[in-house]
Protein backbone atom coordinates (compact mmCIF):
# COMPACT_ATOMS: atom_id res chain seq x y z
CA MET A 1 70.54 22.95 27.52
CA ASN A 2 68.92 24.12 24.24
CA ASP A 3 65.63 22.06 23.27
CA PRO A 4 66.48 20.45 19.85
CA VAL A 5 64.36 21.84 16.80
CA PRO A 6 61.23 20.43 16.63
CA GLN A 7 61.12 18.30 13.23
CA THR A 8 58.46 16.16 11.49
CA THR A 9 59.66 12.64 10.85
CA ALA A 10 58.90 9.99 8.17
CA ALA A 11 56.67 8.21 10.68
CA ASP A 12 54.54 11.29 11.32
CA VAL A 13 54.19 11.80 7.73
CA ILE A 14 53.15 8.14 7.01
CA GLU A 15 50.69 8.28 10.11
CA PHE A 16 49.09 11.73 8.79
CA VAL A 17 48.92 10.17 5.06
CA LYS A 18 47.20 6.97 6.16
CA LEU A 19 44.51 9.19 8.24
CA LEU A 20 43.80 11.29 5.38
CA GLU A 21 43.08 7.92 3.28
CA ALA A 22 41.20 6.42 6.00
CA HIS A 23 38.97 9.63 5.71
CA GLY A 24 38.74 9.53 2.01
CA VAL A 25 40.73 12.69 1.78
CA GLY A 26 43.63 12.47 -1.13
CA VAL A 27 46.89 14.28 -0.51
CA VAL A 28 50.06 15.28 -2.63
CA ILE A 29 53.07 15.66 -0.56
CA ASP A 30 54.88 18.72 -1.60
CA GLY A 31 58.27 20.63 -0.30
CA GLY A 32 61.09 18.66 1.26
CA TRP A 33 59.18 15.53 2.26
CA GLY A 34 57.86 15.52 -1.37
CA VAL A 35 61.94 15.65 -2.57
CA ASP A 36 62.47 12.62 -0.26
CA ALA A 37 59.27 10.79 -1.83
CA LEU A 38 60.72 11.44 -5.50
CA LEU A 39 64.13 10.41 -4.42
CA GLY A 40 62.95 7.44 -2.29
CA LYS A 41 64.68 7.92 0.84
CA GLN A 42 65.37 10.74 3.37
CA THR A 43 68.21 13.37 2.49
CA ARG A 44 67.54 15.94 5.63
CA THR A 45 65.76 16.52 8.22
CA HIS A 46 62.55 18.43 7.78
CA SER A 47 60.79 20.83 10.31
CA ASP A 48 57.56 20.57 8.51
CA LEU A 49 55.19 18.41 6.19
CA ASP A 50 54.16 20.36 3.13
CA ILE A 51 50.92 18.92 1.62
CA ALA A 52 48.49 19.95 -1.42
CA VAL A 53 45.00 19.46 -0.91
CA GLU A 54 41.70 19.84 -2.87
CA HIS A 55 39.97 22.87 -0.88
CA ALA A 56 36.71 21.22 -0.32
CA ASP A 57 38.82 18.61 1.97
CA VAL A 58 40.10 21.70 4.33
CA PRO A 59 37.13 21.33 6.53
CA LYS A 60 37.87 17.83 7.21
CA ILE A 61 41.70 17.91 7.19
CA ARG A 62 41.02 20.75 9.97
CA ALA A 63 38.66 18.74 12.21
CA LEU A 64 40.97 15.40 11.97
CA LEU A 65 43.94 17.63 13.28
CA GLU A 66 41.89 19.65 15.52
CA GLU A 67 40.92 16.28 16.99
CA ARG A 68 44.68 15.27 17.29
CA GLY A 69 45.37 18.58 19.43
CA TYR A 70 46.95 20.79 16.29
CA LYS A 71 45.88 24.30 16.27
CA ASP A 72 46.95 27.28 13.55
CA VAL A 73 50.20 28.58 13.71
CA LEU A 74 49.58 32.32 12.03
CA ARG A 75 52.38 33.51 9.93
CA ASP A 76 52.70 36.19 7.66
CA ASP A 77 51.57 34.11 4.51
CA THR A 78 48.65 32.41 6.28
CA ARG A 79 45.56 32.46 3.90
CA GLU A 80 42.53 30.70 3.37
CA CYS A 81 44.45 28.43 1.06
CA ASN A 82 47.63 28.35 2.85
CA PHE A 83 47.99 27.81 6.64
CA VAL A 84 50.21 26.01 9.03
CA MET A 85 48.82 23.55 11.95
CA GLY A 86 50.90 22.53 14.57
CA ASP A 87 50.66 20.17 17.70
CA ASP A 88 52.51 20.73 21.04
CA LYS A 89 55.40 18.23 19.61
CA GLY A 90 56.53 20.72 17.50
CA ARG A 91 55.29 18.96 14.34
CA LEU A 92 54.01 21.25 11.56
CA ILE A 93 51.65 20.68 8.68
CA ASP A 94 51.72 23.26 5.84
CA ILE A 95 48.57 22.96 4.09
CA HIS A 96 48.10 24.43 0.53
CA SER A 97 44.46 23.90 -1.15
CA TYR A 98 43.30 24.38 -4.62
CA THR A 99 40.30 24.16 -6.71
CA PHE A 100 40.55 23.19 -10.15
CA ASP A 101 37.67 23.78 -12.69
CA GLU A 102 36.40 20.89 -15.23
CA GLU A 103 39.48 22.06 -17.73
CA GLY A 104 42.08 21.79 -14.74
CA ARG A 105 42.69 25.31 -14.45
CA VAL A 106 42.80 26.51 -10.97
CA ILE A 107 39.76 28.54 -9.82
CA PHE A 108 40.72 28.94 -6.06
CA GLY A 109 43.52 28.93 -3.86
CA VAL A 110 47.58 27.97 -4.89
CA GLU A 111 48.19 27.92 -8.15
CA TYR A 112 49.22 24.41 -8.89
CA PRO A 113 49.45 23.39 -12.42
CA PHE A 114 47.50 20.44 -12.99
CA ASP A 115 49.93 18.33 -13.96
CA SER A 116 52.21 18.97 -10.91
CA LEU A 117 50.21 17.08 -9.02
CA LYS A 118 51.05 13.72 -10.84
CA GLY A 119 54.09 12.48 -9.21
CA THR A 120 54.89 9.41 -7.09
CA GLY A 121 57.51 8.34 -4.51
CA SER A 122 57.49 6.92 -1.34
CA ILE A 123 58.45 7.72 2.25
CA ALA A 124 60.01 5.20 4.39
CA SER A 125 58.73 2.42 1.65
CA TYR A 126 55.29 3.57 2.01
CA PRO A 127 53.59 4.82 -1.52
CA VAL A 128 52.54 8.31 -1.67
CA LYS A 129 51.56 11.00 -4.43
CA CYS A 130 53.60 13.92 -4.64
CA ILE A 131 54.52 17.08 -7.12
CA THR A 132 56.34 15.74 -10.04
CA PRO A 133 60.17 16.07 -10.41
CA GLU A 134 60.26 18.61 -13.06
CA TRP A 135 57.49 21.05 -11.26
CA MET A 136 59.37 20.30 -7.76
CA VAL A 137 62.52 21.78 -9.23
CA LYS A 138 60.68 24.66 -10.64
CA PHE A 139 59.01 25.37 -7.08
CA HIS A 140 62.43 25.67 -5.90
CA THR A 141 62.93 28.77 -7.30
CA GLY A 142 61.42 32.30 -7.77
CA TYR A 143 61.96 33.33 -4.26
CA LYS A 144 65.38 33.88 -1.72
CA LEU A 145 67.24 30.66 -1.89
CA ASP A 146 68.50 28.77 0.79
CA GLU A 147 71.07 25.60 1.18
CA ASN A 148 68.09 23.10 1.78
CA ASP A 149 66.87 24.48 -1.19
CA TYR A 150 69.72 23.83 -3.43
CA HIS A 151 70.17 20.60 -1.62
CA ASP A 152 66.99 19.59 -2.67
CA ALA A 153 67.04 20.78 -6.22
CA LYS A 154 70.82 19.10 -6.69
CA LEU A 155 69.54 15.87 -5.95
CA LEU A 156 66.24 16.14 -8.18
CA CYS A 157 68.38 17.38 -11.18
CA GLU A 158 71.31 14.53 -10.70
CA LYS A 159 68.11 11.77 -10.39
CA PHE A 160 65.87 12.85 -13.20
CA GLY A 161 68.36 14.30 -15.62
CA ILE A 162 66.72 17.82 -15.39
CA GLU A 163 68.88 20.75 -15.91
CA ILE A 164 69.64 22.72 -12.63
CA PRO A 165 68.02 26.36 -12.90
CA ALA A 166 70.10 29.34 -13.23
CA GLU A 167 69.06 30.77 -9.91
CA PHE A 168 71.34 28.42 -8.27
CA ALA A 169 74.50 29.80 -9.57
CA GLU A 170 75.97 30.96 -6.45
CA PHE A 171 75.66 27.83 -4.65
CA LEU A 172 77.31 26.20 -7.80
CA SER A 173 80.09 28.53 -7.49
CA LYS A 174 80.28 27.78 -3.76
CA ALA A 175 80.31 24.37 -4.51
CA GLU A 176 83.00 24.59 -7.30
CA ASP A 177 85.26 26.53 -4.84
CA GLY A 178 85.10 24.16 -2.21
CA ARG A 179 86.88 21.57 -4.44
């Protein structure tokens, strides 16, 4: 019998967000959970939790996670400002860090536009900060897209009246052919 694919649940996300909040660390939910936070409901399973944090908070986040048994999970894209930590239950947290200057320009780390970090949503009714809808859709472009990307972008575009990006044309064609 195969082991089920590990996933990060809504309860895991809320527990982690509360942990960071209790230690004075601001966190913005990105990725699939960020999409679901904007939609106000879970729409699919998630293998990880993507977060955006100030780079100055990385040592504190690392320490908090290590105290809970998390370790670095090395990947091809691991960098000082973009890394994954996981525990023995298979839960993964994909940490994206940034540093802004006084004018709101990124001077280190992941190139988040300042305004992209101002979204709000909820996970299992718990209020969270997340990437804004417009930026979340933009962040779902510019790389090899999959069904989850299409699923996320389509739902966001429908809910927030955003035009679906041209990069999703192949998925739109498949959806029309399936009628």
